[in-house]
Amino acid sequence: MTQWEYQVAPIPLHNEALMLNNFGQDGWELVAIHTNAQGGLVAFLKKQKA
């Protein structure tokens, strides 16, 4: 059975792609992105446990 670890991270509005690409280089896959109550973005990411 595949096991996953998860991360929730705020994403700055001025360099979203840079932040998401950095997570991707570390093996994280974007699952969802939502706007928080303050209007900022929050990314939900996962990667397979080693």
N, C-alpha and C. Protein backbone atom coordinates (compact mmCIF):
# COMPACT_ATOMS: atom_id res chain seq x y z
N MET A 1 0.84 -1.17 0.00
CA MET A 1 0.00 0.00 0.00
C MET A 1 0.90 1.24 0.00
N THR A 2 0.58 2.18 -0.85
CA THR A 2 1.34 3.42 -0.92
C THR A 2 1.04 4.28 0.29
N GLN A 3 2.09 4.82 0.89
CA GLN A 3 1.92 5.73 2.02
C GLN A 3 2.37 7.12 1.59
N TRP A 4 1.62 8.12 2.03
CA TRP A 4 1.87 9.50 1.64
C TRP A 4 2.17 10.36 2.86
N GLU A 5 2.94 11.40 2.64
CA GLU A 5 3.06 12.45 3.63
C GLU A 5 2.51 13.72 3.00
N TYR A 6 2.00 14.59 3.83
CA TYR A 6 1.30 15.78 3.34
C TYR A 6 1.90 17.05 3.92
N GLN A 7 1.73 18.13 3.18
CA GLN A 7 2.20 19.43 3.63
C GLN A 7 1.17 20.48 3.23
N VAL A 8 0.95 21.43 4.11
CA VAL A 8 0.09 22.58 3.82
C VAL A 8 0.98 23.80 3.90
N ALA A 9 0.99 24.62 2.84
CA ALA A 9 1.93 25.73 2.79
C ALA A 9 1.28 26.98 2.22
N PRO A 10 1.53 28.14 2.84
CA PRO A 10 1.07 29.40 2.25
C PRO A 10 1.90 29.71 1.01
N ILE A 11 1.26 30.27 0.00
CA ILE A 11 1.94 30.60 -1.25
C ILE A 11 1.87 32.12 -1.45
N PRO A 12 3.03 32.80 -1.47
CA PRO A 12 3.02 34.26 -1.68
C PRO A 12 2.42 34.61 -3.04
N LEU A 13 1.62 35.65 -3.07
CA LEU A 13 0.91 36.01 -4.29
C LEU A 13 1.82 36.57 -5.39
N HIS A 14 3.00 37.00 -5.07
CA HIS A 14 3.85 37.61 -6.09
C HIS A 14 4.77 36.62 -6.80
N ASN A 15 4.91 35.39 -6.30
CA ASN A 15 5.74 34.39 -7.01
C ASN A 15 5.22 32.97 -6.78
N GLU A 16 3.98 32.76 -7.18
CA GLU A 16 3.33 31.47 -7.00
C GLU A 16 4.07 30.35 -7.73
N ALA A 17 4.40 30.58 -8.99
CA ALA A 17 5.04 29.54 -9.80
C ALA A 17 6.39 29.14 -9.22
N LEU A 18 7.16 30.11 -8.77
CA LEU A 18 8.47 29.81 -8.19
C LEU A 18 8.32 28.91 -6.97
N MET A 19 7.41 29.24 -6.08
CA MET A 19 7.20 28.44 -4.88
C MET A 19 6.75 27.02 -5.24
N LEU A 20 5.78 26.90 -6.14
CA LEU A 20 5.27 25.58 -6.50
C LEU A 20 6.33 24.76 -7.22
N ASN A 21 7.14 25.39 -8.06
CA ASN A 21 8.23 24.68 -8.73
C ASN A 21 9.26 24.18 -7.72
N ASN A 22 9.53 24.98 -6.69
CA ASN A 22 10.47 24.55 -5.65
C ASN A 22 9.94 23.32 -4.92
N PHE A 23 8.65 23.32 -4.60
CA PHE A 23 8.06 22.14 -3.96
C PHE A 23 8.16 20.94 -4.90
N GLY A 24 7.88 21.14 -6.18
CA GLY A 24 7.94 20.06 -7.16
C GLY A 24 9.33 19.46 -7.26
N GLN A 25 10.36 20.30 -7.21
CA GLN A 25 11.74 19.80 -7.27
C GLN A 25 12.08 18.95 -6.06
N ASP A 26 11.38 19.20 -4.95
CA ASP A 26 11.59 18.40 -3.74
C ASP A 26 10.70 17.17 -3.68
N GLY A 27 9.96 16.90 -4.77
CA GLY A 27 9.15 15.70 -4.84
C GLY A 27 7.70 15.87 -4.43
N TRP A 28 7.29 17.10 -4.08
CA TRP A 28 5.91 17.34 -3.66
C TRP A 28 5.01 17.52 -4.88
N GLU A 29 3.81 16.96 -4.81
CA GLU A 29 2.80 17.08 -5.85
C GLU A 29 1.65 17.94 -5.32
N LEU A 30 1.25 18.94 -6.09
CA LEU A 30 0.13 19.79 -5.69
C LEU A 30 -1.17 19.01 -5.80
N VAL A 31 -1.92 18.97 -4.69
CA VAL A 31 -3.20 18.27 -4.65
C VAL A 31 -4.33 19.27 -4.84
N ALA A 32 -4.23 20.40 -4.15
CA ALA A 32 -5.27 21.43 -4.22
C ALA A 32 -4.67 22.76 -3.80
N ILE A 33 -5.33 23.83 -4.22
CA ILE A 33 -4.94 25.16 -3.78
C ILE A 33 -6.22 25.92 -3.47
N HIS A 34 -6.22 26.61 -2.33
CA HIS A 34 -7.42 27.32 -1.88
C HIS A 34 -7.06 28.73 -1.44
N THR A 35 -8.05 29.60 -1.42
CA THR A 35 -7.89 30.94 -0.89
C THR A 35 -8.29 30.92 0.58
N ASN A 36 -7.43 31.47 1.44
CA ASN A 36 -7.77 31.50 2.86
C ASN A 36 -8.65 32.71 3.18
N ALA A 37 -9.04 32.85 4.43
CA ALA A 37 -9.95 33.92 4.85
C ALA A 37 -9.36 35.31 4.62
N GLN A 38 -8.03 35.41 4.62
CA GLN A 38 -7.37 36.69 4.41
C GLN A 38 -7.11 36.99 2.94
N GLY A 39 -7.49 36.10 2.05
CA GLY A 39 -7.31 36.31 0.62
C GLY A 39 -6.02 35.73 0.06
N GLY A 40 -5.22 35.09 0.89
CA GLY A 40 -3.97 34.47 0.42
C GLY A 40 -4.22 33.05 -0.08
N LEU A 41 -3.21 32.51 -0.73
CA LEU A 41 -3.31 31.16 -1.26
C LEU A 41 -2.67 30.16 -0.31
N VAL A 42 -3.28 29.00 -0.21
CA VAL A 42 -2.75 27.90 0.59
C VAL A 42 -2.70 26.66 -0.29
N ALA A 43 -1.51 26.06 -0.38
CA ALA A 43 -1.33 24.87 -1.20
C ALA A 43 -1.34 23.62 -0.33
N PHE A 44 -2.00 22.59 -0.82
CA PHE A 44 -2.02 21.28 -0.18
C PHE A 44 -1.23 20.34 -1.08
N LEU A 45 -0.17 19.77 -0.53
CA LEU A 45 0.75 18.96 -1.32
C LEU A 45 0.93 17.58 -0.70
N LYS A 46 1.37 16.64 -1.53
CA LYS A 46 1.66 15.29 -1.03
C LYS A 46 2.88 14.75 -1.75
N LYS A 47 3.56 13.79 -1.08
CA LYS A 47 4.61 13.01 -1.73
C LYS A 47 4.67 11.65 -1.07
N GLN A 48 5.14 10.69 -1.83
CA GLN A 48 5.22 9.33 -1.34
C GLN A 48 6.29 9.24 -0.27
N LYS A 49 5.97 8.53 0.81
CA LYS A 49 6.95 8.32 1.88
C LYS A 49 8.07 7.45 1.36
N ALA A 50 9.27 7.77 1.78
CA ALA A 50 10.45 7.01 1.35
C ALA A 50 10.58 5.72 2.13
